[in-house]
C-alpha atoms as a PDB file:
ATOM      1  CA  MET A   1     -32.519   1.904  -1.427  1.00  0.00           C
ATOM      2  CA  ASP A   2     -30.289   4.562   0.169  1.00  0.00           C
ATOM      3  CA  ILE A   3     -29.267   2.136   2.905  1.00  0.00           C
ATOM      4  CA  ALA A   4     -28.215  -0.479   0.345  1.00  0.00           C
ATOM      5  CA  LEU A   5     -26.156   2.141  -1.516  1.00  0.00           C
ATOM      6  CA  TYR A   6     -24.490   3.289   1.702  1.00  0.00           C
ATOM      7  CA  VAL A   7     -23.645  -0.337   2.540  1.00  0.00           C
ATOM      8  CA  LEU A   8     -22.205  -0.796  -0.954  1.00  0.00           C
ATOM      9  CA  ALA A   9     -20.199   2.412  -0.530  1.00  0.00           C
ATOM     10  CA  ALA A  10     -18.870   1.225   2.844  1.00  0.00           C
ATOM     11  CA  LEU A  11     -17.832  -2.091   1.282  1.00  0.00           C
ATOM     12  CA  LEU A  12     -16.078  -0.251  -1.547  1.00  0.00           C
ATOM     13  CA  ILE A  13     -14.253   2.010   0.908  1.00  0.00           C
ATOM     14  CA  ALA A  14     -13.201  -0.913   3.119  1.00  0.00           C
ATOM     15  CA  GLY A  15     -12.134  -2.916   0.066  1.00  0.00           C
ATOM     16  CA  GLY A  16     -10.252   0.096  -1.222  1.00  0.00           C
ATOM     17  CA  LEU A  17      -8.307   0.448   2.004  1.00  0.00           C
ATOM     18  CA  ALA A  18      -7.503  -3.276   1.933  1.00  0.00           C
ATOM     19  CA  GLY A  19      -6.522  -2.930  -1.721  1.00  0.00           C
ATOM     20  CA  ALA A  20      -3.865  -0.407  -0.758  1.00  0.00           C
ATOM     21  CA  VAL A  21      -1.749  -3.350   0.386  1.00  0.00           C
ATOM     22  CA  LEU A  22      -3.264  -6.250  -1.569  1.00  0.00           C
ATOM     23  CA  PRO A  23      -2.190  -6.205  -5.205  1.00  0.00           C
ATOM     24  CA  THR A  24      -5.274  -8.114  -6.368  1.00  0.00           C
ATOM     25  CA  LEU A  25      -7.687  -5.303  -5.534  1.00  0.00           C
ATOM     26  CA  PRO A  26      -7.740  -1.943  -7.301  1.00  0.00           C
ATOM     27  CA  GLY A  27      -7.569  -0.170  -3.948  1.00  0.00           C
ATOM     28  CA  ILE A  28      -7.590   3.513  -4.773  1.00  0.00           C
ATOM     29  CA  PRO A  29     -10.232   3.308  -7.537  1.00  0.00           C
ATOM     30  CA  MET A  30     -12.476   1.281  -5.209  1.00  0.00           C
ATOM     31  CA  LEU A  31     -11.935   3.780  -2.413  1.00  0.00           C
ATOM     32  CA  PHE A  32     -12.734   6.727  -4.645  1.00  0.00           C
ATOM     33  CA  GLY A  33     -15.766   4.912  -6.073  1.00  0.00           C
ATOM     34  CA  GLY A  34     -17.129   4.372  -2.563  1.00  0.00           C
ATOM     35  CA  ILE A  35     -16.536   7.987  -1.628  1.00  0.00           C
ATOM     36  CA  TRP A  36     -18.217   9.189  -4.805  1.00  0.00           C
ATOM     37  CA  LEU A  37     -21.180   6.870  -4.206  1.00  0.00           C
ATOM     38  CA  VAL A  38     -21.665   8.336  -0.722  1.00  0.00           C
ATOM     39  CA  ALA A  39     -21.502  11.839  -2.200  1.00  0.00           C
ATOM     40  CA  ALA A  40     -24.073  10.967  -4.865  1.00  0.00           C
ATOM     41  CA  VAL A  41     -26.482   9.327  -2.419  1.00  0.00           C
ATOM     42  CA  ASP A  42     -26.086  12.362  -0.150  1.00  0.00           C
ATOM     43  CA  ASP A  43     -26.916  14.623  -3.138  1.00  0.00           C
ATOM     44  CA  TYR A  44     -23.442  16.182  -2.832  1.00  0.00           C
ATOM     45  CA  ARG A  45     -24.466  18.113   0.292  1.00  0.00           C
ATOM     46  CA  HIS A  46     -21.358  17.236   2.295  1.00  0.00           C
ATOM     47  CA  LEU A  47     -18.976  16.253  -0.468  1.00  0.00           C
ATOM     48  CA  GLY A  48     -19.108  18.841  -3.202  1.00  0.00           C
ATOM     49  CA  LEU A  49     -17.143  19.263  -6.380  1.00  0.00           C
ATOM     50  CA  TRP A  50     -13.980  20.648  -4.732  1.00  0.00           C
ATOM     51  CA  TRP A  51     -13.802  17.867  -2.169  1.00  0.00           C
ATOM     52  CA  LEU A  52     -14.222  15.244  -4.886  1.00  0.00           C
ATOM     53  CA  LEU A  53     -11.625  16.927  -7.104  1.00  0.00           C
ATOM     54  CA  LEU A  54      -9.126  17.054  -4.242  1.00  0.00           C
ATOM     55  CA  ILE A  55      -9.729  13.429  -3.261  1.00  0.00           C
ATOM     56  CA  GLY A  56      -9.652  12.401  -6.928  1.00  0.00           C
ATOM     57  CA  ALA A  57      -6.345  14.206  -7.498  1.00  0.00           C
ATOM     58  CA  LEU A  58      -4.839  12.379  -4.513  1.00  0.00           C
ATOM     59  CA  GLY A  59      -6.193   9.124  -5.889  1.00  0.00           C
ATOM     60  CA  THR A  60      -4.637   9.806  -9.281  1.00  0.00           C
ATOM     61  CA  LEU A  61      -1.310  10.481  -7.604  1.00  0.00           C
ATOM     62  CA  GLY A  62      -1.616   7.225  -5.683  1.00  0.00           C
ATOM     63  CA  VAL A  63      -2.309   5.204  -8.843  1.00  0.00           C
ATOM     64  CA  ILE A  64       0.669   6.801 -10.604  1.00  0.00           C
ATOM     65  CA  VAL A  65       2.926   6.035  -7.636  1.00  0.00           C
ATOM     66  CA  ASP A  66       1.679   2.454  -7.647  1.00  0.00           C
ATOM     67  CA  PHE A  67       2.608   1.956 -11.304  1.00  0.00           C
ATOM     68  CA  VAL A  68       5.930   3.756 -11.148  1.00  0.00           C
ATOM     69  CA  ALA A  69       7.406   2.747  -7.767  1.00  0.00           C
ATOM     70  CA  GLY A  70       8.584  -0.764  -8.559  1.00  0.00           C
ATOM     71  CA  THR A  71       9.927   0.307 -11.918  1.00  0.00           C
ATOM     72  CA  LEU A  72      11.834   3.199 -10.374  1.00  0.00           C
ATOM     73  CA  GLY A  73      13.305   0.927  -7.726  1.00  0.00           C
ATOM     74  CA  ALA A  74      14.424  -1.514 -10.394  1.00  0.00           C
ATOM     75  CA  LYS A  75      15.626   1.177 -12.784  1.00  0.00           C
ATOM     76  CA  ARG A  76      17.594   2.811  -9.985  1.00  0.00           C
ATOM     77  CA  VAL A  77      19.742  -0.291  -9.746  1.00  0.00           C
ATOM     78  CA  GLY A  78      19.816  -0.901 -13.517  1.00  0.00           C
ATOM     79  CA  ALA A  79      17.403  -3.823 -13.858  1.00  0.00           C
ATOM     80  CA  SER A  80      16.753  -5.538 -17.166  1.00  0.00           C
ATOM     81  CA  LYS A  81      13.302  -5.818 -18.736  1.00  0.00           C
ATOM     82  CA  ARG A  82      13.229  -9.481 -17.729  1.00  0.00           C
ATOM     83  CA  ALA A  83      13.723  -8.465 -14.109  1.00  0.00           C
ATOM     84  CA  LEU A  84      10.779  -6.074 -14.340  1.00  0.00           C
ATOM     85  CA  TRP A  85       8.606  -8.806 -15.805  1.00  0.00           C
ATOM     86  CA  GLY A  86       9.867 -11.205 -13.165  1.00  0.00           C
ATOM     87  CA  ALA A  87       8.949  -8.785 -10.390  1.00  0.00           C
ATOM     88  CA  GLY A  88       5.443  -8.482 -11.782  1.00  0.00           C
ATOM     89  CA  MET A  89       5.039 -12.223 -12.097  1.00  0.00           C
ATOM     90  CA  GLY A  90       6.519 -12.732  -8.630  1.00  0.00           C
ATOM     91  CA  THR A  91       3.954 -10.327  -7.212  1.00  0.00           C
ATOM     92  CA  LEU A  92       1.132 -12.105  -9.025  1.00  0.00           C
ATOM     93  CA  VAL A  93       2.198 -15.572  -7.871  1.00  0.00           C
ATOM     94  CA  GLY A  94       3.139 -14.328  -4.404  1.00  0.00           C
ATOM     95  CA  MET A  95      -0.349 -13.048  -3.652  1.00  0.00           C
ATOM     96  CA  PHE A  96      -1.540 -16.666  -3.454  1.00  0.00           C
ATOM     97  CA  PHE A  97       0.895 -17.319  -0.604  1.00  0.00           C
ATOM     98  CA  GLY A  98      -0.278 -14.618   1.780  1.00  0.00           C
ATOM     99  CA  ILE A  99       1.967 -12.036   3.393  1.00  0.00           C
ATOM    100  CA  PRO A 100       5.223 -14.002   2.867  1.00  0.00           C
ATOM    101  CA  GLY A 101       4.392 -14.324  -0.817  1.00  0.00           C
ATOM    102  CA  LEU A 102       3.660 -10.619  -1.106  1.00  0.00           C
ATOM    103  CA  LEU A 103       6.926  -9.791   0.622  1.00  0.00           C
ATOM    104  CA  PHE A 104       9.206 -12.210  -1.193  1.00  0.00           C
ATOM    105  CA  GLY A 105       7.418 -12.728  -4.528  1.00  0.00           C
ATOM    106  CA  PRO A 106       8.588  -9.486  -6.192  1.00  0.00           C
ATOM    107  CA  PHE A 107      12.146 -10.026  -4.966  1.00  0.00           C
ATOM    108  CA  LEU A 108      12.309 -13.620  -6.173  1.00  0.00           C
ATOM    109  CA  GLY A 109      10.676 -12.724  -9.497  1.00  0.00           C
ATOM    110  CA  ALA A 110      13.118  -9.892 -10.165  1.00  0.00           C
ATOM    111  CA  LEU A 111      15.996 -12.124  -9.110  1.00  0.00           C
ATOM    112  CA  ALA A 112      14.886 -14.876 -11.499  1.00  0.00           C
ATOM    113  CA  GLY A 113      14.299 -12.402 -14.319  1.00  0.00           C
ATOM    114  CA  GLU A 114      17.725 -10.854 -13.906  1.00  0.00           C
ATOM    115  CA  LEU A 115      19.366 -14.288 -13.724  1.00  0.00           C
ATOM    116  CA  ALA A 116      17.525 -15.245 -16.946  1.00  0.00           C
ATOM    117  CA  SER A 117      19.049 -12.224 -18.667  1.00  0.00           C
ATOM    118  CA  GLY A 118      22.500 -13.649 -17.955  1.00  0.00           C
ATOM    119  CA  THR A 119      23.855 -11.518 -15.115  1.00  0.00           C
ATOM    120  CA  SER A 120      25.647 -12.762 -12.016  1.00  0.00           C
ATOM    121  CA  VAL A 121      23.896 -13.966  -8.902  1.00  0.00           C
ATOM    122  CA  LEU A 122      25.187 -11.028  -6.856  1.00  0.00           C
ATOM    123  CA  ARG A 123      24.013  -8.506  -9.454  1.00  0.00           C
ATOM    124  CA  SER A 124      20.664 -10.294  -9.722  1.00  0.00           C
ATOM    125  CA  ALA A 125      20.215 -10.155  -5.945  1.00  0.00           C
ATOM    126  CA  HIS A 126      21.003  -6.430  -6.020  1.00  0.00           C
ATOM    127  CA  VAL A 127      18.321  -5.879  -8.681  1.00  0.00           C
ATOM    128  CA  GLY A 128      15.856  -8.010  -6.723  1.00  0.00           C
ATOM    129  CA  ILE A 129      16.392  -5.974  -3.577  1.00  0.00           C
ATOM    130  CA  GLY A 130      16.073  -2.682  -5.473  1.00  0.00           C
ATOM    131  CA  THR A 131      12.822  -3.814  -7.069  1.00  0.00           C
ATOM    132  CA  TRP A 132      11.473  -5.044  -3.762  1.00  0.00           C
ATOM    133  CA  LEU A 133      12.335  -1.787  -1.995  1.00  0.00           C
ATOM    134  CA  GLY A 134      10.670   0.204  -4.766  1.00  0.00           C
ATOM    135  CA  LEU A 135       7.488  -1.867  -4.518  1.00  0.00           C
ATOM    136  CA  LEU A 136       7.522  -1.633  -0.738  1.00  0.00           C
ATOM    137  CA  LEU A 137       7.967   2.137  -0.804  1.00  0.00           C
ATOM    138  CA  GLY A 138       5.236   2.453  -3.432  1.00  0.00           C
ATOM    139  CA  THR A 139       2.850   0.394  -1.315  1.00  0.00           C
ATOM    140  CA  LEU A 140       3.607   2.520   1.719  1.00  0.00           C
ATOM    141  CA  VAL A 141       2.954   5.749  -0.214  1.00  0.00           C
ATOM    142  CA  LYS A 142      -0.247   4.281  -1.670  1.00  0.00           C
ATOM    143  CA  LEU A 143      -1.407   3.278   1.821  1.00  0.00           C
ATOM    144  CA  VAL A 144      -0.725   6.751   3.196  1.00  0.00           C
ATOM    145  CA  ILE A 145      -2.566   8.364   0.268  1.00  0.00           C
ATOM    146  CA  SER A 146      -5.509   5.994   0.813  1.00  0.00           C
ATOM    147  CA  PHE A 147      -5.783   6.972   4.461  1.00  0.00           C
ATOM    148  CA  VAL A 148      -5.486  10.668   3.582  1.00  0.00           C
ATOM    149  CA  MET A 149      -8.317  10.222   1.068  1.00  0.00           C
ATOM    150  CA  ALA A 150     -10.438   8.496   3.731  1.00  0.00           C
ATOM    151  CA  GLY A 151      -9.560  11.220   6.241  1.00  0.00           C
ATOM    152  CA  LEU A 152     -10.566  13.975   3.839  1.00  0.00           C
ATOM    153  CA  PHE A 153     -13.786  12.102   3.198  1.00  0.00           C
ATOM    154  CA  GLY A 154     -14.427  11.985   6.948  1.00  0.00           C
ATOM    155  CA  LEU A 155     -13.673  15.690   7.328  1.00  0.00           C
ATOM    156  CA  ALA A 156     -15.996  16.561   4.480  1.00  0.00           C
ATOM    157  CA  MET A 157     -18.800  14.464   5.940  1.00  0.00           C
ATOM    158  CA  LEU A 158     -18.374  16.044   9.372  1.00  0.00           C
ATOM    159  CA  PHE A 159     -17.767  19.655   8.399  1.00  0.00           C
ATOM    160  CA  GLY A 160     -18.780  19.935   4.737  1.00  0.00           C
END
């Protein structure tokens, strides 16, 4: 049974790292769930309370950054609510078109949303770029936090 739980934990950790860049997967919660499962199967010998609290705090920060980054990028350039909705919808639709969809979906969605609110094409493009840069920066921060969480997990397993 322990082997099956370790395999499940490894799948959760791998899926969590992939989810740091794929918007369809809840990356950081999956990563933390896999780490916690390993700790539980190991009877918390290597990963104790303080390790889990530290990794969990980083995970919480990563989730907050994920939710706030695109909005901050859009707000920074004065986006409308329609642009924010458009960016979200563009991300959702874009994920079905692979990497190009993930790169251009939020931009095109924010652009369309801002155009629908009645602003000029140039202003809409500015909002689209700001939203896209915010989402890109948020994804980068989330990816770094995910790898730091995995690194701390590795350190705890080796030296904990």
